[in-house]
Amino acid sequence: MSSTITGLAMDTQQLAQLKTDSQHRPEEAAKAAATQFEALFLQQMMKSMREAGGDSVFFNSNAMKTYTEMFDQQMSSELASKGIGLADRLFAQLQQKP
């Protein structure tokens, strides 16, 4: 099993590797793609929640914005690896034959 299938791909190089791996192991690739989508969904949700909270005068620097983006990305990856159920439903949908 490749590291792309087991890990979370957040850059284009890893996504290209996932595409290549999907030709050899389509079920594992579908599961990884569903997990990727769940991670991106969670990251966008966390970003929206953070923006809705308003800006803090104490934490309104470029360094803090970079930190929170990295933190949100890591947290969304961790949450998606444990699963909130969305990836499971997407995987089931991808496995259905037309």
N, C-alpha and C. Protein backbone atom coordinates (compact mmCIF):
# COMPACT_ATOMS: atom_id res chain seq x y z
N MET A 1 0.84 -1.17 0.00
CA MET A 1 0.00 0.00 0.00
C MET A 1 0.89 1.24 0.00
N SER A 2 0.61 2.20 -0.88
CA SER A 2 1.47 3.37 -0.99
C SER A 2 1.15 4.39 0.10
N SER A 3 2.09 5.32 0.30
CA SER A 3 1.87 6.34 1.33
C SER A 3 0.75 7.28 0.94
N THR A 4 0.48 7.42 -0.36
CA THR A 4 -0.61 8.28 -0.80
C THR A 4 -1.95 7.69 -0.39
N ILE A 5 -2.06 6.37 -0.49
CA ILE A 5 -3.32 5.73 -0.11
C ILE A 5 -3.52 5.81 1.39
N THR A 6 -2.47 5.59 2.17
CA THR A 6 -2.62 5.58 3.61
C THR A 6 -2.63 6.98 4.20
N GLY A 7 -1.95 7.93 3.59
CA GLY A 7 -1.89 9.29 4.12
C GLY A 7 -2.93 10.18 3.49
N LEU A 8 -2.89 11.42 3.85
CA LEU A 8 -3.79 12.40 3.29
C LEU A 8 -3.04 13.29 2.31
N ALA A 9 -3.55 13.41 1.12
CA ALA A 9 -2.88 14.20 0.08
C ALA A 9 -3.44 15.62 0.09
N MET A 10 -2.61 16.56 0.42
CA MET A 10 -3.05 17.95 0.43
C MET A 10 -2.33 18.79 -0.62
N ASP A 11 -1.52 18.18 -1.48
CA ASP A 11 -0.88 18.94 -2.54
C ASP A 11 -1.07 18.22 -3.87
N THR A 12 -0.79 18.91 -4.96
CA THR A 12 -1.06 18.38 -6.29
C THR A 12 -0.20 17.18 -6.63
N GLN A 13 1.02 17.12 -6.14
CA GLN A 13 1.89 15.98 -6.43
C GLN A 13 1.32 14.70 -5.82
N GLN A 14 0.85 14.78 -4.58
CA GLN A 14 0.27 13.60 -3.95
C GLN A 14 -1.07 13.23 -4.60
N LEU A 15 -1.82 14.22 -5.06
CA LEU A 15 -3.07 13.92 -5.74
C LEU A 15 -2.81 13.23 -7.07
N ALA A 16 -1.75 13.63 -7.78
CA ALA A 16 -1.37 12.96 -9.02
C ALA A 16 -0.97 11.51 -8.75
N GLN A 17 -0.27 11.28 -7.65
CA GLN A 17 0.10 9.92 -7.27
C GLN A 17 -1.13 9.09 -6.94
N LEU A 18 -2.10 9.71 -6.29
CA LEU A 18 -3.35 9.02 -5.98
C LEU A 18 -4.06 8.62 -7.26
N LYS A 19 -4.04 9.49 -8.25
CA LYS A 19 -4.67 9.18 -9.54
C LYS A 19 -3.98 7.98 -10.19
N THR A 20 -2.66 7.95 -10.16
CA THR A 20 -1.91 6.82 -10.72
C THR A 20 -2.22 5.54 -9.95
N ASP A 21 -2.24 5.63 -8.64
CA ASP A 21 -2.53 4.45 -7.82
C ASP A 21 -3.95 3.93 -8.04
N SER A 22 -4.86 4.80 -8.43
CA SER A 22 -6.25 4.38 -8.61
C SER A 22 -6.40 3.39 -9.75
N GLN A 23 -5.47 3.41 -10.69
CA GLN A 23 -5.54 2.46 -11.80
C GLN A 23 -5.19 1.05 -11.34
N HIS A 24 -4.35 0.93 -10.31
CA HIS A 24 -3.92 -0.37 -9.82
C HIS A 24 -4.76 -0.87 -8.65
N ARG A 25 -5.23 0.04 -7.81
CA ARG A 25 -6.02 -0.32 -6.63
C ARG A 25 -7.22 0.63 -6.53
N PRO A 26 -8.23 0.42 -7.39
CA PRO A 26 -9.35 1.38 -7.44
C PRO A 26 -10.14 1.50 -6.13
N GLU A 27 -10.31 0.40 -5.40
CA GLU A 27 -11.09 0.48 -4.17
C GLU A 27 -10.36 1.31 -3.10
N GLU A 28 -9.06 1.07 -2.96
CA GLU A 28 -8.27 1.84 -2.00
C GLU A 28 -8.20 3.30 -2.41
N ALA A 29 -8.10 3.57 -3.69
CA ALA A 29 -8.04 4.94 -4.18
C ALA A 29 -9.36 5.66 -3.93
N ALA A 30 -10.47 4.97 -4.12
CA ALA A 30 -11.79 5.58 -3.86
C ALA A 30 -11.93 5.92 -2.39
N LYS A 31 -11.46 5.02 -1.53
CA LYS A 31 -11.51 5.28 -0.09
C LYS A 31 -10.64 6.48 0.28
N ALA A 32 -9.44 6.56 -0.32
CA ALA A 32 -8.55 7.69 -0.06
C ALA A 32 -9.15 8.99 -0.58
N ALA A 33 -9.77 8.95 -1.75
CA ALA A 33 -10.39 10.16 -2.31
C ALA A 33 -11.54 10.64 -1.42
N ALA A 34 -12.31 9.72 -0.91
CA ALA A 34 -13.41 10.08 -0.01
C ALA A 34 -12.87 10.71 1.28
N THR A 35 -11.77 10.17 1.79
CA THR A 35 -11.15 10.74 2.98
C THR A 35 -10.59 12.11 2.70
N GLN A 36 -10.00 12.30 1.51
CA GLN A 36 -9.49 13.61 1.11
C GLN A 36 -10.61 14.64 1.07
N PHE A 37 -11.73 14.24 0.48
CA PHE A 37 -12.87 15.16 0.40
C PHE A 37 -13.36 15.53 1.79
N GLU A 38 -13.43 14.55 2.68
CA GLU A 38 -13.85 14.82 4.05
C GLU A 38 -12.90 15.80 4.73
N ALA A 39 -11.60 15.63 4.52
CA ALA A 39 -10.61 16.53 5.11
C ALA A 39 -10.76 17.94 4.57
N LEU A 40 -10.95 18.08 3.25
CA LEU A 40 -11.14 19.41 2.68
C LEU A 40 -12.44 20.05 3.17
N PHE A 41 -13.48 19.26 3.27
CA PHE A 41 -14.75 19.76 3.79
C PHE A 41 -14.58 20.28 5.21
N LEU A 42 -13.91 19.50 6.05
CA LEU A 42 -13.68 19.92 7.44
C LEU A 42 -12.81 21.18 7.51
N GLN A 43 -11.80 21.25 6.65
CA GLN A 43 -10.93 22.42 6.64
C GLN A 43 -11.71 23.67 6.27
N GLN A 44 -12.56 23.58 5.25
CA GLN A 44 -13.37 24.73 4.86
C GLN A 44 -14.36 25.11 5.95
N MET A 45 -14.92 24.11 6.61
CA MET A 45 -15.86 24.37 7.70
C MET A 45 -15.16 25.09 8.85
N MET A 46 -13.96 24.62 9.21
CA MET A 46 -13.22 25.26 10.30
C MET A 46 -12.83 26.69 9.92
N LYS A 47 -12.44 26.90 8.67
CA LYS A 47 -12.08 28.24 8.20
C LYS A 47 -13.29 29.17 8.29
N SER A 48 -14.45 28.69 7.86
CA SER A 48 -15.66 29.50 7.91
C SER A 48 -16.05 29.82 9.35
N MET A 49 -15.91 28.85 10.23
CA MET A 49 -16.24 29.08 11.64
C MET A 49 -15.30 30.12 12.25
N ARG A 50 -14.02 30.03 11.89
CA ARG A 50 -13.04 30.98 12.42
C ARG A 50 -13.33 32.40 11.91
N GLU A 51 -13.69 32.51 10.63
CA GLU A 51 -14.01 33.83 10.06
C GLU A 51 -15.28 34.41 10.66
N ALA A 52 -16.23 33.56 10.99
CA ALA A 52 -17.49 34.03 11.58
C ALA A 52 -17.29 34.58 12.99
N GLY A 53 -16.23 34.15 13.65
CA GLY A 53 -15.96 34.59 15.00
C GLY A 53 -15.45 36.01 15.08
N GLY A 54 -15.05 36.58 13.97
CA GLY A 54 -14.52 37.94 13.98
C GLY A 54 -13.03 37.96 14.24
N ASP A 55 -12.41 39.10 13.96
CA ASP A 55 -10.97 39.25 14.15
C ASP A 55 -10.66 39.68 15.57
N SER A 56 -9.60 39.14 16.08
CA SER A 56 -9.11 39.52 17.39
C SER A 56 -7.96 40.50 17.21
N VAL A 57 -7.94 41.57 17.97
CA VAL A 57 -6.85 42.54 17.86
C VAL A 57 -5.54 41.96 18.36
N PHE A 58 -5.60 40.94 19.19
CA PHE A 58 -4.38 40.35 19.74
C PHE A 58 -3.74 39.34 18.78
N PHE A 59 -4.55 38.71 17.95
CA PHE A 59 -4.04 37.64 17.09
C PHE A 59 -4.23 37.97 15.61
N ASN A 60 -4.13 39.22 15.23
CA ASN A 60 -4.40 39.64 13.87
C ASN A 60 -3.09 39.95 13.13
N SER A 61 -2.16 39.02 13.11
CA SER A 61 -0.91 39.20 12.38
C SER A 61 -0.82 38.16 11.27
N ASN A 62 0.07 38.40 10.31
CA ASN A 62 0.26 37.44 9.23
C ASN A 62 0.76 36.10 9.77
N ALA A 63 1.63 36.15 10.75
CA ALA A 63 2.16 34.91 11.34
C ALA A 63 1.03 34.11 11.99
N MET A 64 0.13 34.79 12.68
CA MET A 64 -0.97 34.09 13.34
C MET A 64 -1.94 33.52 12.31
N LYS A 65 -2.18 34.26 11.22
CA LYS A 65 -3.05 33.75 10.16
C LYS A 65 -2.45 32.50 9.53
N THR A 66 -1.15 32.52 9.30
CA THR A 66 -0.47 31.34 8.74
C THR A 66 -0.56 30.17 9.70
N TYR A 67 -0.34 30.44 10.97
CA TYR A 67 -0.43 29.39 11.99
C TYR A 67 -1.83 28.78 12.02
N THR A 68 -2.86 29.61 12.03
CA THR A 68 -4.22 29.07 12.12
C THR A 68 -4.60 28.29 10.87
N GLU A 69 -4.12 28.71 9.69
CA GLU A 69 -4.37 27.95 8.47
C GLU A 69 -3.71 26.57 8.56
N MET A 70 -2.46 26.54 9.02
CA MET A 70 -1.76 25.27 9.17
C MET A 70 -2.43 24.40 10.23
N PHE A 71 -2.85 25.02 11.32
CA PHE A 71 -3.53 24.29 12.39
C PHE A 71 -4.84 23.69 11.88
N ASP A 72 -5.63 24.50 11.15
CA ASP A 72 -6.89 24.01 10.61
C ASP A 72 -6.67 22.85 9.64
N GLN A 73 -5.63 22.96 8.81
CA GLN A 73 -5.33 21.89 7.87
C GLN A 73 -4.96 20.60 8.59
N GLN A 74 -4.12 20.72 9.60
CA GLN A 74 -3.71 19.53 10.36
C GLN A 74 -4.88 18.94 11.14
N MET A 75 -5.68 19.78 11.75
CA MET A 75 -6.84 19.28 12.51
C MET A 75 -7.85 18.61 11.59
N SER A 76 -8.09 19.19 10.42
CA SER A 76 -9.04 18.58 9.49
C SER A 76 -8.52 17.24 9.00
N SER A 77 -7.23 17.14 8.76
CA SER A 77 -6.64 15.85 8.36
C SER A 77 -6.80 14.81 9.45
N GLU A 78 -6.55 15.21 10.69
CA GLU A 78 -6.67 14.28 11.81
C GLU A 78 -8.13 13.86 12.02
N LEU A 79 -9.04 14.82 11.95
CA LEU A 79 -10.45 14.48 12.10
C LEU A 79 -10.92 13.56 10.99
N ALA A 80 -10.48 13.82 9.76
CA ALA A 80 -10.88 12.99 8.63
C ALA A 80 -10.30 11.59 8.73
N SER A 81 -9.10 11.47 9.27
CA SER A 81 -8.51 10.13 9.39
C SER A 81 -9.29 9.28 10.39
N LYS A 82 -9.89 9.91 11.39
CA LYS A 82 -10.74 9.19 12.34
C LYS A 82 -12.14 9.01 11.76
N GLY A 83 -12.55 9.97 10.94
CA GLY A 83 -13.84 9.88 10.26
C GLY A 83 -14.98 10.51 11.02
N ILE A 84 -15.79 11.24 10.28
CA ILE A 84 -17.03 11.79 10.84
C ILE A 84 -18.24 11.16 10.15
N GLY A 85 -17.97 10.21 9.23
CA GLY A 85 -19.04 9.53 8.54
C GLY A 85 -19.23 9.96 7.10
N LEU A 86 -18.75 11.14 6.75
CA LEU A 86 -18.93 11.64 5.39
C LEU A 86 -18.14 10.79 4.39
N ALA A 87 -16.91 10.46 4.71
CA ALA A 87 -16.08 9.66 3.79
C ALA A 87 -16.70 8.28 3.57
N ASP A 88 -17.27 7.70 4.60
CA ASP A 88 -17.90 6.39 4.47
C ASP A 88 -19.07 6.45 3.50
N ARG A 89 -19.88 7.49 3.62
CA ARG A 89 -21.04 7.65 2.72
C ARG A 89 -20.58 7.92 1.28
N LEU A 90 -19.54 8.73 1.12
CA LEU A 90 -19.02 9.00 -0.22
C LEU A 90 -18.45 7.73 -0.84
N PHE A 91 -17.70 6.96 -0.06
CA PHE A 91 -17.12 5.71 -0.55
C PHE A 91 -18.23 4.75 -0.98
N ALA A 92 -19.27 4.63 -0.19
CA ALA A 92 -20.39 3.76 -0.54
C ALA A 92 -21.04 4.22 -1.84
N GLN A 93 -21.16 5.53 -2.01
CA GLN A 93 -21.75 6.07 -3.23
C GLN A 93 -20.86 5.80 -4.44
N LEU A 94 -19.54 5.92 -4.25
CA LEU A 94 -18.61 5.67 -5.35
C LEU A 94 -18.59 4.19 -5.74
N GLN A 95 -18.90 3.30 -4.82
CA GLN A 95 -18.88 1.87 -5.10
C GLN A 95 -20.13 1.37 -5.80
N GLN A 96 -21.18 2.18 -5.81
CA GLN A 96 -22.42 1.76 -6.48
C GLN A 96 -22.22 1.75 -7.98
N LYS A 97 -22.70 0.70 -8.60
CA LYS A 97 -22.62 0.57 -10.06
C LYS A 97 -23.83 1.24 -10.69
N PRO A 98 -23.64 1.98 -11.79
CA PRO A 98 -24.78 2.65 -12.44
C PRO A 98 -25.74 1.68 -13.09
